[in-house]
Structures are given as C-alpha cells and as structure tokens.
Amino acid sequence: VIKQDPAARGKIVMRWTISADGSVSGVGIESDELGSEQFAGCASRSVAKWRFPKGVEDVAVAYPFVMAPRSY
C-alpha cells in the first residue's frame, strides 16, 4: 500500500487469539480505515505466523496498527 501510494494513511484494528501454547488463531480485521484488501490480507497472514510465550489460558487481542507516511 505504501509503495503504491506513499501518502497512504489510516488505521487497521486486527483481532486474534493467543492460545495457551503461544500459537495464534482466529485472526481477523475488526475495522479498516486504510481500505486495502491487499494490506489486510498480508497483515493477517503475518500475524497468524507470530508466536508468543506459553500461558495458562487463551487470550483475545485487538490491536490497532496506524499507518502514516514518515516525516523526517
């Protein structure tokens, strides 16, 4: 998205579940101001590969990713 449109900006809120074994499941998009199916798909596939430390129980997560052009 940023390569195609360097001025692209917006927020995408993703949700997923961290299983007790540290794996990720149930990845989805809660809201998408960016409006790019390509970005949403890529981000979802990436999050699905993440691994977290083992825990006692499953944890539901909703996290906002804010995209904005760099300003140096």
PDB file of N, CA and C in Angstrom:
ATOM      1  N   VAL A   1       0.833  -1.189   0.000  1.00  0.00           N
ATOM      2  CA  VAL A   1       0.000   0.000   0.000  1.00  0.00           C
ATOM      3  C   VAL A   1       0.876   1.249   0.000  1.00  0.00           C
ATOM      4  N   ILE A   2       1.847   1.295   0.890  1.00  0.00           N
ATOM      5  CA  ILE A   2       2.707   2.474   0.996  1.00  0.00           C
ATOM      6  C   ILE A   2       3.552   2.628  -0.275  1.00  0.00           C
ATOM      7  N   LYS A   3       4.013   1.513  -0.858  1.00  0.00           N
ATOM      8  CA  LYS A   3       4.791   1.602  -2.095  1.00  0.00           C
ATOM      9  C   LYS A   3       3.936   2.146  -3.232  1.00  0.00           C
ATOM     10  N   GLN A   4       2.675   1.747  -3.287  1.00  0.00           N
ATOM     11  CA  GLN A   4       1.778   2.204  -4.347  1.00  0.00           C
ATOM     12  C   GLN A   4       1.319   3.639  -4.118  1.00  0.00           C
ATOM     13  N   ASP A   5       1.135   4.002  -2.857  1.00  0.00           N
ATOM     14  CA  ASP A   5       0.651   5.344  -2.517  1.00  0.00           C
ATOM     15  C   ASP A   5       1.397   5.830  -1.276  1.00  0.00           C
ATOM     16  N   PRO A   6       2.538   6.506  -1.457  1.00  0.00           N
ATOM     17  CA  PRO A   6       3.351   6.945  -0.321  1.00  0.00           C
ATOM     18  C   PRO A   6       2.612   7.838   0.673  1.00  0.00           C
ATOM     19  N   ALA A   7       1.515   8.444   0.264  1.00  0.00           N
ATOM     20  CA  ALA A   7       0.757   9.309   1.167  1.00  0.00           C
ATOM     21  C   ALA A   7      -0.353   8.544   1.895  1.00  0.00           C
ATOM     22  N   ALA A   8      -0.427   7.221   1.679  1.00  0.00           N
ATOM     23  CA  ALA A   8      -1.488   6.419   2.306  1.00  0.00           C
ATOM     24  C   ALA A   8      -1.396   6.521   3.822  1.00  0.00           C
ATOM     25  N   ARG A   9      -2.546   6.599   4.450  1.00  0.00           N
ATOM     26  CA  ARG A   9      -2.590   6.637   5.914  1.00  0.00           C
ATOM     27  C   ARG A   9      -3.913   6.074   6.372  1.00  0.00           C
ATOM     28  N   GLY A  10      -3.939   5.630   7.592  1.00  0.00           N
ATOM     29  CA  GLY A  10      -5.168   5.096   8.155  1.00  0.00           C
ATOM     30  C   GLY A  10      -4.857   4.109   9.267  1.00  0.00           C
ATOM     31  N   LYS A  11      -5.898   3.591   9.854  1.00  0.00           N
ATOM     32  CA  LYS A  11      -5.747   2.665  10.974  1.00  0.00           C
ATOM     33  C   LYS A  11      -6.487   1.376  10.634  1.00  0.00           C
ATOM     34  N   ILE A  12      -5.853   0.272  10.970  1.00  0.00           N
ATOM     35  CA  ILE A  12      -6.491  -1.025  10.833  1.00  0.00           C
ATOM     36  C   ILE A  12      -6.417  -1.697  12.208  1.00  0.00           C
ATOM     37  N   VAL A  13      -7.557  -2.140  12.709  1.00  0.00           N
ATOM     38  CA  VAL A  13      -7.594  -2.818  14.004  1.00  0.00           C
ATOM     39  C   VAL A  13      -7.759  -4.305  13.724  1.00  0.00           C
ATOM     40  N   MET A  14      -6.768  -5.065  14.177  1.00  0.00           N
ATOM     41  CA  MET A  14      -6.790  -6.507  13.968  1.00  0.00           C
ATOM     42  C   MET A  14      -7.116  -7.198  15.275  1.00  0.00           C
ATOM     43  N   ARG A  15      -7.740  -8.360  15.170  1.00  0.00           N
ATOM     44  CA  ARG A  15      -8.029  -9.163  16.359  1.00  0.00           C
ATOM     45  C   ARG A  15      -7.535 -10.573  16.114  1.00  0.00           C
ATOM     46  N   TRP A  16      -7.102 -11.205  17.197  1.00  0.00           N
ATOM     47  CA  TRP A  16      -6.656 -12.585  17.125  1.00  0.00           C
ATOM     48  C   TRP A  16      -6.676 -13.182  18.514  1.00  0.00           C
ATOM     49  N   THR A  17      -6.497 -14.477  18.579  1.00  0.00           N
ATOM     50  CA  THR A  17      -6.434 -15.170  19.860  1.00  0.00           C
ATOM     51  C   THR A  17      -5.047 -15.776  20.018  1.00  0.00           C
ATOM     52  N   ILE A  18      -4.452 -15.542  21.170  1.00  0.00           N
ATOM     53  CA  ILE A  18      -3.190 -16.200  21.516  1.00  0.00           C
ATOM     54  C   ILE A  18      -3.568 -17.417  22.344  1.00  0.00           C
ATOM     55  N   SER A  19      -3.290 -18.592  21.808  1.00  0.00           N
ATOM     56  CA  SER A  19      -3.605 -19.833  22.514  1.00  0.00           C
ATOM     57  C   SER A  19      -2.622 -20.056  23.653  1.00  0.00           C
ATOM     58  N   ALA A  20      -2.999 -20.879  24.597  1.00  0.00           N
ATOM     59  CA  ALA A  20      -2.147 -21.158  25.752  1.00  0.00           C
ATOM     60  C   ALA A  20      -0.772 -21.689  25.334  1.00  0.00           C
ATOM     61  N   ASP A  21      -0.704 -22.354  24.175  1.00  0.00           N
ATOM     62  CA  ASP A  21       0.583 -22.871  23.708  1.00  0.00           C
ATOM     63  C   ASP A  21       1.423 -21.819  22.983  1.00  0.00           C
ATOM     64  N   GLY A  22       0.909 -20.586  22.859  1.00  0.00           N
ATOM     65  CA  GLY A  22       1.641 -19.487  22.238  1.00  0.00           C
ATOM     66  C   GLY A  22       1.340 -19.282  20.772  1.00  0.00           C
ATOM     67  N   SER A  23       0.568 -20.177  20.164  1.00  0.00           N
ATOM     68  CA  SER A  23       0.223 -20.015  18.753  1.00  0.00           C
ATOM     69  C   SER A  23      -0.917 -19.005  18.598  1.00  0.00           C
ATOM     70  N   VAL A  24      -1.100 -18.551  17.373  1.00  0.00           N
ATOM     71  CA  VAL A  24      -2.129 -17.555  17.066  1.00  0.00           C
ATOM     72  C   VAL A  24      -3.230 -18.212  16.249  1.00  0.00           C
ATOM     73  N   SER A  25      -4.475 -17.895  16.575  1.00  0.00           N
ATOM     74  CA  SER A  25      -5.613 -18.399  15.803  1.00  0.00           C
ATOM     75  C   SER A  25      -6.674 -17.310  15.706  1.00  0.00           C
ATOM     76  N   GLY A  26      -7.639 -17.515  14.835  1.00  0.00           N
ATOM     77  CA  GLY A  26      -8.772 -16.602  14.730  1.00  0.00           C
ATOM     78  C   GLY A  26      -8.409 -15.192  14.327  1.00  0.00           C
ATOM     79  N   VAL A  27      -7.440 -15.031  13.440  1.00  0.00           N
ATOM     80  CA  VAL A  27      -7.016 -13.701  13.005  1.00  0.00           C
ATOM     81  C   VAL A  27      -8.102 -13.072  12.133  1.00  0.00           C
ATOM     82  N   GLY A  28      -8.412 -11.818  12.394  1.00  0.00           N
ATOM     83  CA  GLY A  28      -9.409 -11.113  11.597  1.00  0.00           C
ATOM     84  C   GLY A  28      -9.228  -9.619  11.696  1.00  0.00           C
ATOM     85  N   ILE A  29     -10.012  -8.926  10.918  1.00  0.00           N
ATOM     86  CA  ILE A  29      -9.984  -7.461  10.890  1.00  0.00           C
ATOM     87  C   ILE A  29     -11.220  -6.944  11.624  1.00  0.00           C
ATOM     88  N   GLU A  30     -10.997  -6.114  12.637  1.00  0.00           N
ATOM     89  CA  GLU A  30     -12.103  -5.531  13.393  1.00  0.00           C
ATOM     90  C   GLU A  30     -12.601  -4.254  12.709  1.00  0.00           C
ATOM     91  N   SER A  31     -11.670  -3.421  12.256  1.00  0.00           N
ATOM     92  CA  SER A  31     -12.035  -2.229  11.486  1.00  0.00           C
ATOM     93  C   SER A  31     -10.867  -1.887  10.577  1.00  0.00           C
ATOM     94  N   ASP A  32     -11.177  -1.222   9.473  1.00  0.00           N
ATOM     95  CA  ASP A  32     -10.145  -0.946   8.475  1.00  0.00           C
ATOM     96  C   ASP A  32     -10.397   0.402   7.822  1.00  0.00           C
ATOM     97  N   GLU A  33      -9.714   1.437   8.294  1.00  0.00           N
ATOM     98  CA  GLU A  33      -9.799   2.765   7.683  1.00  0.00           C
ATOM     99  C   GLU A  33      -8.903   2.862   6.462  1.00  0.00           C
ATOM    100  N   LEU A  34      -7.905   1.985   6.378  1.00  0.00           N
ATOM    101  CA  LEU A  34      -6.960   2.014   5.270  1.00  0.00           C
ATOM    102  C   LEU A  34      -7.641   1.578   3.977  1.00  0.00           C
ATOM    103  N   GLY A  35      -8.547   0.595   4.086  1.00  0.00           N
ATOM    104  CA  GLY A  35      -9.341   0.180   2.938  1.00  0.00           C
ATOM    105  C   GLY A  35      -8.593  -0.591   1.875  1.00  0.00           C
ATOM    106  N   SER A  36      -7.545  -1.299   2.254  1.00  0.00           N
ATOM    107  CA  SER A  36      -6.779  -2.071   1.285  1.00  0.00           C
ATOM    108  C   SER A  36      -6.900  -3.557   1.607  1.00  0.00           C
ATOM    109  N   GLU A  37      -7.613  -4.285   0.755  1.00  0.00           N
ATOM    110  CA  GLU A  37      -7.737  -5.728   0.965  1.00  0.00           C
ATOM    111  C   GLU A  37      -6.372  -6.403   0.888  1.00  0.00           C
ATOM    112  N   GLN A  38      -5.497  -5.891   0.024  1.00  0.00           N
ATOM    113  CA  GLN A  38      -4.157  -6.452  -0.122  1.00  0.00           C
ATOM    114  C   GLN A  38      -3.381  -6.320   1.193  1.00  0.00           C
ATOM    115  N   PHE A  39      -3.417  -5.136   1.799  1.00  0.00           N
ATOM    116  CA  PHE A  39      -2.711  -4.934   3.068  1.00  0.00           C
ATOM    117  C   PHE A  39      -3.330  -5.783   4.169  1.00  0.00           C
ATOM    118  N   ALA A  40      -4.644  -5.805   4.249  1.00  0.00           N
ATOM    119  CA  ALA A  40      -5.332  -6.580   5.291  1.00  0.00           C
ATOM    120  C   ALA A  40      -4.985  -8.062   5.192  1.00  0.00           C
ATOM    121  N   GLY A  41      -4.955  -8.585   3.981  1.00  0.00           N
ATOM    122  CA  GLY A  41      -4.599  -9.989   3.792  1.00  0.00           C
ATOM    123  C   GLY A  41      -3.166 -10.274   4.197  1.00  0.00           C
ATOM    124  N   CYS A  42      -2.260  -9.414   3.793  1.00  0.00           N
ATOM    125  CA  CYS A  42      -0.844  -9.578   4.132  1.00  0.00           C
ATOM    126  C   CYS A  42      -0.641  -9.493   5.647  1.00  0.00           C
ATOM    127  N   ALA A  43      -1.266  -8.513   6.274  1.00  0.00           N
ATOM    128  CA  ALA A  43      -1.145  -8.346   7.724  1.00  0.00           C
ATOM    129  C   ALA A  43      -1.729  -9.555   8.458  1.00  0.00           C
ATOM    130  N   SER A  44      -2.854 -10.059   8.005  1.00  0.00           N
ATOM    131  CA  SER A  44      -3.484 -11.220   8.639  1.00  0.00           C
ATOM    132  C   SER A  44      -2.591 -12.451   8.543  1.00  0.00           C
ATOM    133  N   ARG A  45      -2.005 -12.670   7.377  1.00  0.00           N
ATOM    134  CA  ARG A  45      -1.104 -13.824   7.206  1.00  0.00           C
ATOM    135  C   ARG A  45       0.129 -13.683   8.095  1.00  0.00           C
ATOM    136  N   SER A  46       0.630 -12.465   8.238  1.00  0.00           N
ATOM    137  CA  SER A  46       1.808 -12.239   9.080  1.00  0.00           C
ATOM    138  C   SER A  46       1.499 -12.499  10.550  1.00  0.00           C
ATOM    139  N   VAL A  47       0.394 -11.939  11.037  1.00  0.00           N
ATOM    140  CA  VAL A  47       0.021 -12.125  12.444  1.00  0.00           C
ATOM    141  C   VAL A  47      -0.195 -13.609  12.745  1.00  0.00           C
ATOM    142  N   ALA A  48      -0.770 -14.339  11.806  1.00  0.00           N
ATOM    143  CA  ALA A  48      -1.039 -15.771  12.014  1.00  0.00           C
ATOM    144  C   ALA A  48       0.245 -16.566  12.243  1.00  0.00           C
ATOM    145  N   LYS A  49       1.384 -16.045  11.789  1.00  0.00           N
ATOM    146  CA  LYS A  49       2.672 -16.732  11.960  1.00  0.00           C
ATOM    147  C   LYS A  49       3.357 -16.399  13.285  1.00  0.00           C
ATOM    148  N   TRP A  50       2.888 -15.361  13.964  1.00  0.00           N
ATOM    149  CA  TRP A  50       3.536 -14.946  15.206  1.00  0.00           C
ATOM    150  C   TRP A  50       3.430 -16.036  16.263  1.00  0.00           C
ATOM    151  N   ARG A  51       4.387 -16.049  17.175  1.00  0.00           N
ATOM    152  CA  ARG A  51       4.383 -16.955  18.316  1.00  0.00           C
ATOM    153  C   ARG A  51       4.643 -16.136  19.576  1.00  0.00           C
ATOM    154  N   PHE A  52       3.942 -16.488  20.630  1.00  0.00           N
ATOM    155  CA  PHE A  52       4.054 -15.800  21.910  1.00  0.00           C
ATOM    156  C   PHE A  52       4.489 -16.802  22.969  1.00  0.00           C
ATOM    157  N   PRO A  53       4.953 -16.317  24.126  1.00  0.00           N
ATOM    158  CA  PRO A  53       5.294 -17.237  25.208  1.00  0.00           C
ATOM    159  C   PRO A  53       4.052 -18.035  25.628  1.00  0.00           C
ATOM    160  N   LYS A  54       4.289 -19.244  26.084  1.00  0.00           N
ATOM    161  CA  LYS A  54       3.180 -20.072  26.568  1.00  0.00           C
ATOM    162  C   LYS A  54       2.534 -19.405  27.768  1.00  0.00           C
ATOM    163  N   GLY A  55       1.232 -19.626  27.895  1.00  0.00           N
ATOM    164  CA  GLY A  55       0.490 -19.045  29.001  1.00  0.00           C
ATOM    165  C   GLY A  55      -0.390 -20.092  29.666  1.00  0.00           C
ATOM    166  N   VAL A  56      -1.266 -19.641  30.518  1.00  0.00           N
ATOM    167  CA  VAL A  56      -2.155 -20.529  31.253  1.00  0.00           C
ATOM    168  C   VAL A  56      -3.468 -20.733  30.502  1.00  0.00           C
ATOM    169  N   GLU A  57      -3.903 -19.688  29.778  1.00  0.00           N
ATOM    170  CA  GLU A  57      -5.181 -19.766  29.065  1.00  0.00           C
ATOM    171  C   GLU A  57      -5.102 -18.953  27.781  1.00  0.00           C
ATOM    172  N   ASP A  58      -6.106 -19.106  26.925  1.00  0.00           N
ATOM    173  CA  ASP A  58      -6.189 -18.327  25.686  1.00  0.00           C
ATOM    174  C   ASP A  58      -6.442 -16.856  26.015  1.00  0.00           C
ATOM    175  N   VAL A  59      -5.910 -15.978  25.174  1.00  0.00           N
ATOM    176  CA  VAL A  59      -6.067 -14.537  25.370  1.00  0.00           C
ATOM    177  C   VAL A  59      -6.552 -13.916  24.060  1.00  0.00           C
ATOM    178  N   ALA A  60      -7.638 -13.158  24.122  1.00  0.00           N
ATOM    179  CA  ALA A  60      -8.155 -12.448  22.959  1.00  0.00           C
ATOM    180  C   ALA A  60      -7.465 -11.084  22.879  1.00  0.00           C
ATOM    181  N   VAL A  61      -7.046 -10.713  21.671  1.00  0.00           N
ATOM    182  CA  VAL A  61      -6.319  -9.471  21.458  1.00  0.00           C
ATOM    183  C   VAL A  61      -7.012  -8.665  20.357  1.00  0.00           C
ATOM    184  N   ALA A  62      -7.101  -7.368  20.550  1.00  0.00           N
ATOM    185  CA  ALA A  62      -7.486  -6.430  19.490  1.00  0.00           C
ATOM    186  C   ALA A  62      -6.424  -5.334  19.520  1.00  0.00           C
ATOM    187  N   TYR A  63      -5.754  -5.111  18.389  1.00  0.00           N
ATOM    188  CA  TYR A  63      -4.632  -4.179  18.378  1.00  0.00           C
ATOM    189  C   TYR A  63      -4.714  -3.263  17.162  1.00  0.00           C
ATOM    190  N   PRO A  64      -4.570  -1.945  17.364  1.00  0.00           N
ATOM    191  CA  PRO A  64      -4.594  -1.004  16.242  1.00  0.00           C
ATOM    192  C   PRO A  64      -3.199  -0.818  15.637  1.00  0.00           C
ATOM    193  N   PHE A  65      -3.132  -0.865  14.326  1.00  0.00           N
ATOM    194  CA  PHE A  65      -1.916  -0.528  13.605  1.00  0.00           C
ATOM    195  C   PHE A  65      -2.223   0.758  12.839  1.00  0.00           C
ATOM    196  N   VAL A  66      -1.442   1.790  13.113  1.00  0.00           N
ATOM    197  CA  VAL A  66      -1.657   3.093  12.478  1.00  0.00           C
ATOM    198  C   VAL A  66      -0.588   3.304  11.427  1.00  0.00           C
ATOM    199  N   MET A  67      -1.024   3.509  10.194  1.00  0.00           N
ATOM    200  CA  MET A  67      -0.115   3.704   9.087  1.00  0.00           C
ATOM    201  C   MET A  67      -0.089   5.183   8.729  1.00  0.00           C
ATOM    202  N   ALA A  68       1.116   5.732   8.609  1.00  0.00           N
ATOM    203  CA  ALA A  68       1.269   7.138   8.238  1.00  0.00           C
ATOM    204  C   ALA A  68       2.605   7.294   7.532  1.00  0.00           C
ATOM    205  N   PRO A  69       2.703   8.251   6.620  1.00  0.00           N
ATOM    206  CA  PRO A  69       3.983   8.493   5.938  1.00  0.00           C
ATOM    207  C   PRO A  69       5.036   8.946   6.948  1.00  0.00           C
ATOM    208  N   ARG A  70       6.261   8.604   6.665  1.00  0.00           N
ATOM    209  CA  ARG A  70       7.362   9.066   7.521  1.00  0.00           C
ATOM    210  C   ARG A  70       7.547  10.566   7.332  1.00  0.00           C
ATOM    211  N   SER A  71       7.926  11.206   8.414  1.00  0.00           N
ATOM    212  CA  SER A  71       8.253  12.631   8.313  1.00  0.00           C
ATOM    213  C   SER A  71       9.610  12.849   8.961  1.00  0.00           C
ATOM    214  N   TYR A  72      10.599  13.029   8.130  1.00  0.00           N
ATOM    215  CA  TYR A  72      11.966  13.222   8.623  1.00  0.00           C
ATOM    216  C   TYR A  72      12.309  14.679   8.582  1.00  0.00           C
TER     217      TYR A  72
END
